[in-house]
Amino acid sequence: MLTEKYRPKKFEDIIGQREIVDSVSKLIKSKDIPSMLFVGPPGCGKTTLAWIVARERFPKSWRTDMIEFNASDDRGIDTVRNNIKPRAFGKGEKIIFLDEVDNMTHDAQAALRRIMEDAPNTTFILSANREYKLMDAIKSRCAVYHFNKINKDVVLNYIIDILKKEQIKFVGNKDEIMKSLESLTYTTRGDLRSALNTLSSVIVDNEFHPEFIVQNEKPKHIQPALKQAVGGNIEYSVQLFEDAYLVGKYTTEQLIEEFYEAINELDVSNEIKARLYINLREVDDSLIRGGTPLIQFIGFLYFAYVAPHLKGVIT
């Protein structure tokens, strides 16, 4: 896969996060590294930077001295007590990397906080997409770094460079090829991992066909669906969303991201946007607790339908 083949292995290879990379590369030269929290959207380099920190800290043994957990899968307090705690208090200096720590339960975060306080030889690196889901006590024990989406022009130039390195043959005229690549960078919204995964899926027999990008695009119905709901046409709004949901094969995380982007692009007052952001956060919480995605998102569209008419102070 292109994502693994071209994953950066040195600080200077990371693209789009220069200030963070410069800061972290200096930070890890100290004798005692503080725990770190990497916050930002998917595919912007959080996991890659954590791996590079481990490589730099333990050049010969980073694969054994870095212990990785996907907190999205191992999110409960039992995982913290039975798996993370014994390793954190084990002998020798080590790094424990917890990916998607924002999906951990409140009890699990509370238990983790105590371990972070007391484990003498362990540096924690946490990554999260949504900072607001983390306890303040967790954040206060970390150096916090906020990652940005990678600029679409940077992504575009990067994938063109990879296509050249791979000696991929382009099939079609130049305008069609560039239009399809620009569409890819737009739809992946700064997620370099997603862009490379999509690129891998459309290269057949060492050839790049622009029409394959079009076939892989998700229906662009999320923004229109929200716009229709806010504008008062709830029936058409729900229809647009159901079409996108059934055909697009979105994950719930992708839908949350799409709706956040859609709110940002709405031509409405900041007060209405604030109400929508707050309600979408509640939808996100409900989904984590096991809510049904289709019901939750349609409920959000109905809230968007009434949001312009609500009165009162936002709390």
C-alpha atoms as a PDB file:
ATOM      1  CA  MET A   1       0.000   0.000   0.000  1.00  0.00           C
ATOM      2  CA  LEU A   2       1.186   3.508  -0.811  1.00  0.00           C
ATOM      3  CA  THR A   3       0.322   4.697   2.702  1.00  0.00           C
ATOM      4  CA  GLU A   4       2.912   2.418   4.300  1.00  0.00           C
ATOM      5  CA  LYS A   5       5.490   2.624   1.528  1.00  0.00           C
ATOM      6  CA  TYR A   6       5.600   6.416   1.763  1.00  0.00           C
ATOM      7  CA  ARG A   7       4.993   6.862   5.477  1.00  0.00           C
ATOM      8  CA  PRO A   8       7.662   9.308   6.748  1.00  0.00           C
ATOM      9  CA  LYS A   9      10.405   7.829   8.917  1.00  0.00           C
ATOM     10  CA  LYS A  10      12.180  11.077   9.833  1.00  0.00           C
ATOM     11  CA  PHE A  11      11.015  14.416  11.163  1.00  0.00           C
ATOM     12  CA  GLU A  12      11.995  16.255   8.002  1.00  0.00           C
ATOM     13  CA  ASP A  13       9.840  13.943   5.851  1.00  0.00           C
ATOM     14  CA  ILE A  14       6.541  14.966   7.498  1.00  0.00           C
ATOM     15  CA  ILE A  15       4.546  17.392   5.389  1.00  0.00           C
ATOM     16  CA  GLY A  16       2.184  20.134   6.457  1.00  0.00           C
ATOM     17  CA  GLN A  17       2.963  20.310  10.207  1.00  0.00           C
ATOM     18  CA  ARG A  18       6.299  22.145  10.298  1.00  0.00           C
ATOM     19  CA  GLU A  19       5.893  24.084  13.556  1.00  0.00           C
ATOM     20  CA  ILE A  20       4.753  21.004  15.454  1.00  0.00           C
ATOM     21  CA  VAL A  21       7.559  18.863  14.046  1.00  0.00           C
ATOM     22  CA  ASP A  22      10.180  21.477  14.956  1.00  0.00           C
ATOM     23  CA  SER A  23       8.845  21.742  18.508  1.00  0.00           C
ATOM     24  CA  VAL A  24       8.587  17.994  19.127  1.00  0.00           C
ATOM     25  CA  SER A  25      12.021  17.281  17.633  1.00  0.00           C
ATOM     26  CA  LYS A  26      13.545  19.694  20.157  1.00  0.00           C
ATOM     27  CA  LEU A  27      11.387  18.472  23.045  1.00  0.00           C
ATOM     28  CA  ILE A  28      12.494  14.844  22.837  1.00  0.00           C
ATOM     29  CA  LYS A  29      16.176  15.771  23.211  1.00  0.00           C
ATOM     30  CA  SER A  30      15.584  16.450  26.896  1.00  0.00           C
ATOM     31  CA  LYS A  31      16.349  13.764  29.448  1.00  0.00           C
ATOM     32  CA  ASP A  32      12.759  13.435  30.622  1.00  0.00           C
ATOM     33  CA  ILE A  33      10.206  13.701  27.822  1.00  0.00           C
ATOM     34  CA  PRO A  34       6.798  14.991  28.902  1.00  0.00           C
ATOM     35  CA  SER A  35       3.710  13.142  27.794  1.00  0.00           C
ATOM     36  CA  MET A  36       2.219  14.558  24.602  1.00  0.00           C
ATOM     37  CA  LEU A  37      -1.267  14.920  23.159  1.00  0.00           C
ATOM     38  CA  PHE A  38      -1.647  15.155  19.382  1.00  0.00           C
ATOM     39  CA  VAL A  39      -5.033  16.577  18.398  1.00  0.00           C
ATOM     40  CA  GLY A  40      -6.328  16.908  14.864  1.00  0.00           C
ATOM     41  CA  PRO A  41      -8.349  15.406  12.014  1.00  0.00           C
ATOM     42  CA  PRO A  42      -7.612  11.953  10.551  1.00  0.00           C
ATOM     43  CA  GLY A  43      -4.705  11.528   8.172  1.00  0.00           C
ATOM     44  CA  CYS A  44      -2.731  14.613   9.219  1.00  0.00           C
ATOM     45  CA  GLY A  45       0.342  12.843  10.670  1.00  0.00           C
ATOM     46  CA  LYS A  46      -0.413  12.203  14.363  1.00  0.00           C
ATOM     47  CA  THR A  47       0.430   8.486  14.374  1.00  0.00           C
ATOM     48  CA  THR A  48       3.383   8.975  12.050  1.00  0.00           C
ATOM     49  CA  LEU A  49       4.904  11.599  14.344  1.00  0.00           C
ATOM     50  CA  ALA A  50       4.433   9.322  17.374  1.00  0.00           C
ATOM     51  CA  TRP A  51       6.329   6.545  15.588  1.00  0.00           C
ATOM     52  CA  ILE A  52       9.122   8.928  14.614  1.00  0.00           C
ATOM     53  CA  VAL A  53       9.442  10.085  18.235  1.00  0.00           C
ATOM     54  CA  ALA A  54       9.909   6.441  19.235  1.00  0.00           C
ATOM     55  CA  ARG A  55      12.460   5.877  16.463  1.00  0.00           C
ATOM     56  CA  GLU A  56      14.457   8.909  17.583  1.00  0.00           C
ATOM     57  CA  ARG A  57      14.266   8.018  21.272  1.00  0.00           C
ATOM     58  CA  PHE A  58      15.027   4.318  20.853  1.00  0.00           C
ATOM     59  CA  PRO A  59      16.901   3.974  17.526  1.00  0.00           C
ATOM     60  CA  LYS A  60      17.702   0.274  17.956  1.00  0.00           C
ATOM     61  CA  SER A  61      14.720  -0.929  19.951  1.00  0.00           C
ATOM     62  CA  TRP A  62      11.778   1.331  19.111  1.00  0.00           C
ATOM     63  CA  ARG A  63       9.552  -1.551  18.055  1.00  0.00           C
ATOM     64  CA  THR A  64       9.796  -3.123  21.510  1.00  0.00           C
ATOM     65  CA  ASP A  65      10.066   0.051  23.594  1.00  0.00           C
ATOM     66  CA  MET A  66       6.980   1.603  22.027  1.00  0.00           C
ATOM     67  CA  ILE A  67       3.706  -0.023  23.069  1.00  0.00           C
ATOM     68  CA  GLU A  68       0.670   0.887  20.989  1.00  0.00           C
ATOM     69  CA  PHE A  69      -3.030   0.643  21.792  1.00  0.00           C
ATOM     70  CA  ASN A  70      -5.967   1.643  19.634  1.00  0.00           C
ATOM     71  CA  ALA A  71      -8.158   3.277  22.246  1.00  0.00           C
ATOM     72  CA  SER A  72     -11.098   3.163  19.864  1.00  0.00           C
ATOM     73  CA  ASP A  73     -11.148  -0.640  20.201  1.00  0.00           C
ATOM     74  CA  ASP A  74      -9.740  -0.927  23.745  1.00  0.00           C
ATOM     75  CA  ARG A  75     -11.759   1.877  25.304  1.00  0.00           C
ATOM     76  CA  GLY A  76     -12.905   0.575  28.682  1.00  0.00           C
ATOM     77  CA  ILE A  77     -11.474   0.725  32.183  1.00  0.00           C
ATOM     78  CA  ASP A  78     -10.540  -2.981  32.139  1.00  0.00           C
ATOM     79  CA  THR A  79      -8.105  -2.329  29.303  1.00  0.00           C
ATOM     80  CA  VAL A  80      -6.461   0.448  31.307  1.00  0.00           C
ATOM     81  CA  ARG A  81      -6.186  -1.681  34.458  1.00  0.00           C
ATOM     82  CA  ASN A  82      -5.226  -5.005  32.868  1.00  0.00           C
ATOM     83  CA  ASN A  83      -3.188  -4.011  29.816  1.00  0.00           C
ATOM     84  CA  ILE A  84      -1.933  -0.441  30.014  1.00  0.00           C
ATOM     85  CA  LYS A  85      -1.110  -0.235  33.743  1.00  0.00           C
ATOM     86  CA  PRO A  86       1.166  -3.330  33.939  1.00  0.00           C
ATOM     87  CA  ARG A  87       3.151  -2.128  30.930  1.00  0.00           C
ATOM     88  CA  ALA A  88       3.372   1.458  32.198  1.00  0.00           C
ATOM     89  CA  PHE A  89       4.912   0.287  35.498  1.00  0.00           C
ATOM     90  CA  GLY A  90       7.203  -2.295  33.885  1.00  0.00           C
ATOM     91  CA  LYS A  91      10.969  -1.974  33.952  1.00  0.00           C
ATOM     92  CA  GLY A  92      12.843   0.311  31.598  1.00  0.00           C
ATOM     93  CA  GLU A  93      12.094   3.500  29.716  1.00  0.00           C
ATOM     94  CA  LYS A  94       9.254   3.200  27.229  1.00  0.00           C
ATOM     95  CA  ILE A  95       6.620   5.049  25.225  1.00  0.00           C
ATOM     96  CA  ILE A  96       2.963   4.073  25.347  1.00  0.00           C
ATOM     97  CA  PHE A  97       1.014   5.362  22.369  1.00  0.00           C
ATOM     98  CA  LEU A  98      -2.777   5.519  22.712  1.00  0.00           C
ATOM     99  CA  ASP A  99      -4.433   6.216  19.379  1.00  0.00           C
ATOM    100  CA  GLU A 100      -7.972   7.697  19.288  1.00  0.00           C
ATOM    101  CA  VAL A 101      -7.917   8.229  23.037  1.00  0.00           C
ATOM    102  CA  ASP A 102     -10.979  10.482  22.715  1.00  0.00           C
ATOM    103  CA  ASN A 103     -13.051   7.309  22.325  1.00  0.00           C
ATOM    104  CA  MET A 104     -12.132   6.044  25.794  1.00  0.00           C
ATOM    105  CA  THR A 105     -14.859   6.065  28.431  1.00  0.00           C
ATOM    106  CA  HIS A 106     -14.802   8.631  31.235  1.00  0.00           C
ATOM    107  CA  ASP A 107     -13.893   5.960  33.803  1.00  0.00           C
ATOM    108  CA  ALA A 108     -11.069   4.708  31.604  1.00  0.00           C
ATOM    109  CA  GLN A 109      -9.719   8.241  31.223  1.00  0.00           C
ATOM    110  CA  ALA A 110      -9.842   8.760  34.984  1.00  0.00           C
ATOM    111  CA  ALA A 111      -7.861   5.564  35.535  1.00  0.00           C
ATOM    112  CA  LEU A 112      -5.401   6.542  32.822  1.00  0.00           C
ATOM    113  CA  ARG A 113      -4.855   9.938  34.420  1.00  0.00           C
ATOM    114  CA  ARG A 114      -3.680   8.322  37.655  1.00  0.00           C
ATOM    115  CA  ILE A 115      -1.282   6.047  35.769  1.00  0.00           C
ATOM    116  CA  MET A 116       0.157   8.996  33.856  1.00  0.00           C
ATOM    117  CA  GLU A 117       0.857  10.706  37.180  1.00  0.00           C
ATOM    118  CA  ASP A 118       2.678   7.808  38.781  1.00  0.00           C
ATOM    119  CA  ALA A 119       4.436   5.702  36.105  1.00  0.00           C
ATOM    120  CA  PRO A 120       8.091   6.716  36.511  1.00  0.00           C
ATOM    121  CA  ASN A 121       9.696   5.543  33.266  1.00  0.00           C
ATOM    122  CA  THR A 122       6.830   5.867  30.804  1.00  0.00           C
ATOM    123  CA  THR A 123       6.109   8.654  28.341  1.00  0.00           C
ATOM    124  CA  PHE A 124       2.557   8.683  27.037  1.00  0.00           C
ATOM    125  CA  ILE A 125       1.725   9.913  23.558  1.00  0.00           C
ATOM    126  CA  LEU A 126      -2.008  10.315  23.030  1.00  0.00           C
ATOM    127  CA  SER A 127      -3.767  11.082  19.779  1.00  0.00           C
ATOM    128  CA  ALA A 128      -7.332  12.364  19.429  1.00  0.00           C
ATOM    129  CA  ASN A 129      -9.596  13.695  16.722  1.00  0.00           C
ATOM    130  CA  ARG A 130     -11.864  15.565  19.157  1.00  0.00           C
ATOM    131  CA  GLU A 131     -10.202  17.312  22.058  1.00  0.00           C
ATOM    132  CA  TYR A 132     -13.471  18.185  23.802  1.00  0.00           C
ATOM    133  CA  LYS A 133     -14.011  14.499  24.626  1.00  0.00           C
ATOM    134  CA  LEU A 134     -10.919  14.400  26.829  1.00  0.00           C
ATOM    135  CA  MET A 135     -10.888  15.146  30.536  1.00  0.00           C
ATOM    136  CA  ASP A 136      -9.089  18.328  31.536  1.00  0.00           C
ATOM    137  CA  ALA A 137      -7.011  16.234  33.929  1.00  0.00           C
ATOM    138  CA  ILE A 138      -5.653  14.252  30.964  1.00  0.00           C
ATOM    139  CA  LYS A 139      -4.873  17.356  28.902  1.00  0.00           C
ATOM    140  CA  SER A 140      -3.163  19.110  31.796  1.00  0.00           C
ATOM    141  CA  ARG A 141      -0.614  16.292  32.001  1.00  0.00           C
ATOM    142  CA  CYS A 142       0.450  16.648  28.370  1.00  0.00           C
ATOM    143  CA  ALA A 143       2.176  18.999  26.020  1.00  0.00           C
ATOM    144  CA  VAL A 144      -0.719  19.585  23.613  1.00  0.00           C
ATOM    145  CA  TYR A 145      -0.170  19.940  19.862  1.00  0.00           C
ATOM    146  CA  HIS A 146      -2.967  20.884  17.469  1.00  0.00           C
ATOM    147  CA  PHE A 147      -2.531  19.434  13.982  1.00  0.00           C
ATOM    148  CA  ASN A 148      -4.148  21.099  10.983  1.00  0.00           C
ATOM    149  CA  LYS A 149      -5.607  19.545   7.878  1.00  0.00           C
ATOM    150  CA  ILE A 150      -2.992  19.350   5.176  1.00  0.00           C
ATOM    151  CA  ASN A 151      -3.473  21.996   2.504  1.00  0.00           C
ATOM    152  CA  LYS A 152      -5.102  20.481  -0.594  1.00  0.00           C
ATOM    153  CA  ASP A 153      -2.409  21.920  -2.881  1.00  0.00           C
ATOM    154  CA  VAL A 154       0.255  20.239  -0.741  1.00  0.00           C
ATOM    155  CA  VAL A 155      -1.647  16.940  -0.955  1.00  0.00           C
ATOM    156  CA  LEU A 156      -2.059  17.319  -4.712  1.00  0.00           C
ATOM    157  CA  ASN A 157       1.652  17.923  -5.302  1.00  0.00           C
ATOM    158  CA  TYR A 158       2.539  15.057  -2.969  1.00  0.00           C
ATOM    159  CA  ILE A 159       0.393  12.463  -4.750  1.00  0.00           C
ATOM    160  CA  ILE A 160       1.577  13.656  -8.178  1.00  0.00           C
ATOM    161  CA  ASP A 161       5.156  13.161  -6.959  1.00  0.00           C
ATOM    162  CA  ILE A 162       4.304   9.648  -5.777  1.00  0.00           C
ATOM    163  CA  LEU A 163       2.703   8.771  -9.112  1.00  0.00           C
ATOM    164  CA  LYS A 164       5.908   9.845 -10.837  1.00  0.00           C
ATOM    165  CA  LYS A 165       8.107   7.862  -8.428  1.00  0.00           C
ATOM    166  CA  GLU A 166       5.957   4.781  -8.995  1.00  0.00           C
ATOM    167  CA  GLN A 167       6.239   5.348 -12.767  1.00  0.00           C
ATOM    168  CA  ILE A 168       2.499   5.103 -13.160  1.00  0.00           C
ATOM    169  CA  LYS A 169       1.184   5.473 -16.699  1.00  0.00           C
ATOM    170  CA  PHE A 170      -1.515   8.130 -17.087  1.00  0.00           C
ATOM    171  CA  VAL A 171      -4.454   7.144 -19.290  1.00  0.00           C
ATOM    172  CA  GLY A 172      -6.484  10.049 -20.668  1.00  0.00           C
ATOM    173  CA  ASN A 173      -5.871  13.665 -21.520  1.00  0.00           C
ATOM    174  CA  LYS A 174      -4.045  16.033 -19.185  1.00  0.00           C
ATOM    175  CA  ASP A 175      -7.140  18.071 -18.257  1.00  0.00           C
ATOM    176  CA  GLU A 176      -9.115  14.959 -17.242  1.00  0.00           C
ATOM    177  CA  ILE A 177      -6.203  13.652 -15.184  1.00  0.00           C
ATOM    178  CA  MET A 178      -5.679  16.921 -13.314  1.00  0.00           C
ATOM    179  CA  LYS A 179      -9.414  17.368 -12.735  1.00  0.00           C
ATOM    180  CA  SER A 180      -9.668  13.887 -11.210  1.00  0.00           C
ATOM    181  CA  LEU A 181      -6.628  14.442  -8.966  1.00  0.00           C
ATOM    182  CA  GLU A 182      -7.996  17.791  -7.805  1.00  0.00           C
ATOM    183  CA  SER A 183     -11.317  16.099  -7.074  1.00  0.00           C
ATOM    184  CA  LEU A 184      -9.478  13.477  -5.020  1.00  0.00           C
ATOM    185  CA  THR A 185      -7.710  16.097  -2.916  1.00  0.00           C
ATOM    186  CA  TYR A 186     -10.961  18.002  -2.400  1.00  0.00           C
ATOM    187  CA  THR A 187     -13.072  15.024  -1.332  1.00  0.00           C
ATOM    188  CA  THR A 188     -10.423  13.696   1.088  1.00  0.00           C
ATOM    189  CA  ARG A 189     -10.336  17.129   2.798  1.00  0.00           C
ATOM    190  CA  GLY A 190      -6.707  17.210   3.887  1.00  0.00           C
ATOM    191  CA  ASP A 191      -6.634  13.542   4.935  1.00  0.00           C
ATOM    192  CA  LEU A 192      -3.412  12.367   3.304  1.00  0.00           C
ATOM    193  CA  ARG A 193      -3.939   8.757   4.374  1.00  0.00           C
ATOM    194  CA  SER A 194      -7.367   8.681   2.733  1.00  0.00           C
ATOM    195  CA  ALA A 195      -5.960  10.276  -0.425  1.00  0.00           C
ATOM    196  CA  LEU A 196      -3.227   7.647  -0.707  1.00  0.00           C
ATOM    197  CA  ASN A 197      -5.623   4.783   0.039  1.00  0.00           C
ATOM    198  CA  THR A 198      -7.960   6.004  -2.695  1.00  0.00           C
ATOM    199  CA  LEU A 199      -5.029   6.416  -5.058  1.00  0.00           C
ATOM    200  CA  SER A 200      -3.925   2.827  -4.370  1.00  0.00           C
ATOM    201  CA  SER A 201      -7.414   1.538  -5.148  1.00  0.00           C
ATOM    202  CA  VAL A 202      -7.633   3.218  -8.574  1.00  0.00           C
ATOM    203  CA  ILE A 203      -4.219   2.168  -9.921  1.00  0.00           C
ATOM    204  CA  VAL A 204      -4.758  -0.921 -12.081  1.00  0.00           C
ATOM    205  CA  ASP A 205      -1.930  -2.682 -13.917  1.00  0.00           C
ATOM    206  CA  ASN A 206       0.344   0.265 -13.156  1.00  0.00           C
ATOM    207  CA  GLU A 207      -2.082   2.630 -14.916  1.00  0.00           C
ATOM    208  CA  PHE A 208      -4.017   5.606 -13.599  1.00  0.00           C
ATOM    209  CA  HIS A 209      -7.483   6.092 -15.113  1.00  0.00           C
ATOM    210  CA  PRO A 210      -9.230   9.389 -14.222  1.00  0.00           C
ATOM    211  CA  GLU A 211     -12.688   7.821 -14.470  1.00  0.00           C
ATOM    212  CA  PHE A 212     -11.867   5.481 -11.570  1.00  0.00           C
ATOM    213  CA  ILE A 213     -11.600   8.507  -9.248  1.00  0.00           C
ATOM    214  CA  VAL A 214     -15.076   9.620 -10.283  1.00  0.00           C
ATOM    215  CA  GLN A 215     -16.441   6.126  -9.627  1.00  0.00           C
ATOM    216  CA  ASN A 216     -14.956   6.190  -6.104  1.00  0.00           C
ATOM    217  CA  GLU A 217     -16.362   9.603  -5.172  1.00  0.00           C
ATOM    218  CA  LYS A 218     -19.066   9.727  -2.538  1.00  0.00           C
ATOM    219  CA  PRO A 219     -22.301  11.533  -3.438  1.00  0.00           C
ATOM    220  CA  LYS A 220     -21.982  15.237  -2.593  1.00  0.00           C
ATOM    221  CA  HIS A 221     -25.294  15.386  -0.724  1.00  0.00           C
ATOM    222  CA  ILE A 222     -24.329  16.227   2.867  1.00  0.00           C
ATOM    223  CA  GLN A 223     -23.895  19.975   2.378  1.00  0.00           C
ATOM    224  CA  PRO A 224     -27.088  20.301   0.242  1.00  0.00           C
ATOM    225  CA  ALA A 225     -29.012  18.183   2.770  1.00  0.00           C
ATOM    226  CA  LEU A 226     -28.098  20.495   5.629  1.00  0.00           C
ATOM    227  CA  LYS A 227     -28.735  23.598   3.532  1.00  0.00           C
ATOM    228  CA  GLN A 228     -32.211  22.320   2.617  1.00  0.00           C
ATOM    229  CA  ALA A 229     -33.014  21.548   6.256  1.00  0.00           C
ATOM    230  CA  VAL A 230     -32.023  25.004   7.478  1.00  0.00           C
ATOM    231  CA  GLY A 231     -33.907  26.509   4.550  1.00  0.00           C
ATOM    232  CA  GLY A 232     -37.149  24.794   5.547  1.00  0.00           C
ATOM    233  CA  ASN A 233     -37.359  21.870   3.114  1.00  0.00           C
ATOM    234  CA  ILE A 234     -36.973  19.007   5.551  1.00  0.00           C
ATOM    235  CA  GLU A 235     -38.475  16.305   3.323  1.00  0.00           C
ATOM    236  CA  TYR A 236     -35.978  16.923   0.523  1.00  0.00           C
ATOM    237  CA  SER A 237     -33.196  17.277   3.086  1.00  0.00           C
ATOM    238  CA  VAL A 238     -33.858  13.818   4.517  1.00  0.00           C
ATOM    239  CA  GLN A 239     -34.095  12.358   1.017  1.00  0.00           C
ATOM    240  CA  LEU A 240     -30.695  13.795   0.065  1.00  0.00           C
ATOM    241  CA  PHE A 241     -29.125  12.481   3.249  1.00  0.00           C
ATOM    242  CA  GLU A 242     -30.613   8.994   2.878  1.00  0.00           C
ATOM    243  CA  ASP A 243     -29.281   8.833  -0.699  1.00  0.00           C
ATOM    244  CA  ALA A 244     -25.789   9.770   0.508  1.00  0.00           C
ATOM    245  CA  TYR A 245     -25.959   7.428   3.506  1.00  0.00           C
ATOM    246  CA  LEU A 246     -27.106   4.381   1.555  1.00  0.00           C
ATOM    247  CA  VAL A 247     -24.918   4.858  -1.513  1.00  0.00           C
ATOM    248  CA  GLY A 248     -21.846   6.586  -0.101  1.00  0.00           C
ATOM    249  CA  LYS A 249     -20.810   3.947   2.458  1.00  0.00           C
ATOM    250  CA  TYR A 250     -19.691   6.598   4.940  1.00  0.00           C
ATOM    251  CA  THR A 251     -18.378   5.703   8.357  1.00  0.00           C
ATOM    252  CA  THR A 252     -20.015   7.576  11.239  1.00  0.00           C
ATOM    253  CA  GLU A 253     -16.742   9.446  11.783  1.00  0.00           C
ATOM    254  CA  GLN A 254     -16.752  10.591   8.160  1.00  0.00           C
ATOM    255  CA  LEU A 255     -20.351  11.758   8.452  1.00  0.00           C
ATOM    256  CA  ILE A 256     -19.587  13.766  11.587  1.00  0.00           C
ATOM    257  CA  GLU A 257     -16.686  15.387   9.749  1.00  0.00           C
ATOM    258  CA  GLU A 258     -18.846  16.074   6.688  1.00  0.00           C
ATOM    259  CA  PHE A 259     -21.536  17.719   8.803  1.00  0.00           C
ATOM    260  CA  TYR A 260     -18.980  19.863  10.637  1.00  0.00           C
ATOM    261  CA  GLU A 261     -17.693  21.054   7.270  1.00  0.00           C
ATOM    262  CA  ALA A 262     -21.250  21.623   6.057  1.00  0.00           C
ATOM    263  CA  ILE A 263     -22.085  23.789   9.082  1.00  0.00           C
ATOM    264  CA  ASN A 264     -18.982  25.871   8.484  1.00  0.00           C
ATOM    265  CA  GLU A 265     -20.040  26.519   4.873  1.00  0.00           C
ATOM    266  CA  LEU A 266     -23.620  27.549   5.687  1.00  0.00           C
ATOM    267  CA  ASP A 267     -24.644  31.151   4.988  1.00  0.00           C
ATOM    268  CA  VAL A 268     -26.365  31.663   8.347  1.00  0.00           C
ATOM    269  CA  SER A 269     -25.695  33.605  11.537  1.00  0.00           C
ATOM    270  CA  ASN A 270     -22.997  32.533  13.978  1.00  0.00           C
ATOM    271  CA  GLU A 271     -25.712  31.870  16.557  1.00  0.00           C
ATOM    272  CA  ILE A 272     -27.383  29.280  14.327  1.00  0.00           C
ATOM    273  CA  LYS A 273     -24.014  27.709  13.548  1.00  0.00           C
ATOM    274  CA  ALA A 274     -23.250  27.505  17.275  1.00  0.00           C
ATOM    275  CA  ARG A 275     -26.560  25.715  17.927  1.00  0.00           C
ATOM    276  CA  LEU A 276     -25.792  23.246  15.148  1.00  0.00           C
ATOM    277  CA  TYR A 277     -22.250  22.575  16.375  1.00  0.00           C
ATOM    278  CA  ILE A 278     -23.549  21.891  19.894  1.00  0.00           C
ATOM    279  CA  ASN A 279     -26.269  19.560  18.658  1.00  0.00           C
ATOM    280  CA  LEU A 280     -23.855  17.706  16.371  1.00  0.00           C
ATOM    281  CA  ARG A 281     -21.565  17.165  19.354  1.00  0.00           C
ATOM    282  CA  GLU A 282     -24.530  15.569  21.163  1.00  0.00           C
ATOM    283  CA  VAL A 283     -25.112  13.344  18.131  1.00  0.00           C
ATOM    284  CA  ASP A 284     -21.459  12.317  18.236  1.00  0.00           C
ATOM    285  CA  ASP A 285     -21.783  11.418  21.933  1.00  0.00           C
ATOM    286  CA  SER A 286     -24.934   9.385  21.230  1.00  0.00           C
ATOM    287  CA  LEU A 287     -23.193   7.444  18.465  1.00  0.00           C
ATOM    288  CA  ILE A 288     -20.309   6.546  20.771  1.00  0.00           C
ATOM    289  CA  ARG A 289     -22.843   5.229  23.294  1.00  0.00           C
ATOM    290  CA  GLY A 290     -24.350   2.997  20.600  1.00  0.00           C
ATOM    291  CA  GLY A 291     -26.984   5.163  18.922  1.00  0.00           C
ATOM    292  CA  THR A 292     -28.253   4.216  15.462  1.00  0.00           C
ATOM    293  CA  PRO A 293     -26.474   6.430  12.892  1.00  0.00           C
ATOM    294  CA  LEU A 294     -29.385   6.872  10.482  1.00  0.00           C
ATOM    295  CA  ILE A 295     -31.765   7.896  13.273  1.00  0.00           C
ATOM    296  CA  GLN A 296     -29.235  10.214  14.922  1.00  0.00           C
ATOM    297  CA  PHE A 297     -28.336  12.083  11.735  1.00  0.00           C
ATOM    298  CA  ILE A 298     -31.924  12.451  10.573  1.00  0.00           C
ATOM    299  CA  GLY A 299     -32.707  13.787  14.040  1.00  0.00           C
ATOM    300  CA  PHE A 300     -29.895  16.296  13.548  1.00  0.00           C
ATOM    301  CA  LEU A 301     -31.435  17.435  10.255  1.00  0.00           C
ATOM    302  CA  TYR A 302     -34.774  17.999  12.021  1.00  0.00           C
ATOM    303  CA  PHE A 303     -32.936  20.079  14.615  1.00  0.00           C
ATOM    304  CA  ALA A 304     -31.342  22.076  11.768  1.00  0.00           C
ATOM    305  CA  TYR A 305     -34.856  22.584  10.390  1.00  0.00           C
ATOM    306  CA  VAL A 306     -36.019  24.309  13.605  1.00  0.00           C
ATOM    307  CA  ALA A 307     -32.697  25.907  14.593  1.00  0.00           C
ATOM    308  CA  PRO A 308     -33.326  29.220  12.767  1.00  0.00           C
ATOM    309  CA  HIS A 309     -36.531  29.694  14.794  1.00  0.00           C
ATOM    310  CA  LEU A 310     -35.170  28.941  18.264  1.00  0.00           C
ATOM    311  CA  LYS A 311     -34.926  31.710  20.850  1.00  0.00           C
ATOM    312  CA  GLY A 312     -32.917  32.061  24.009  1.00  0.00           C
ATOM    313  CA  VAL A 313     -29.309  32.139  25.111  1.00  0.00           C
ATOM    314  CA  ILE A 314     -26.945  29.389  24.009  1.00  0.00           C
ATOM    315  CA  THR A 315     -25.313  27.634  26.953  1.00  0.00           C
END
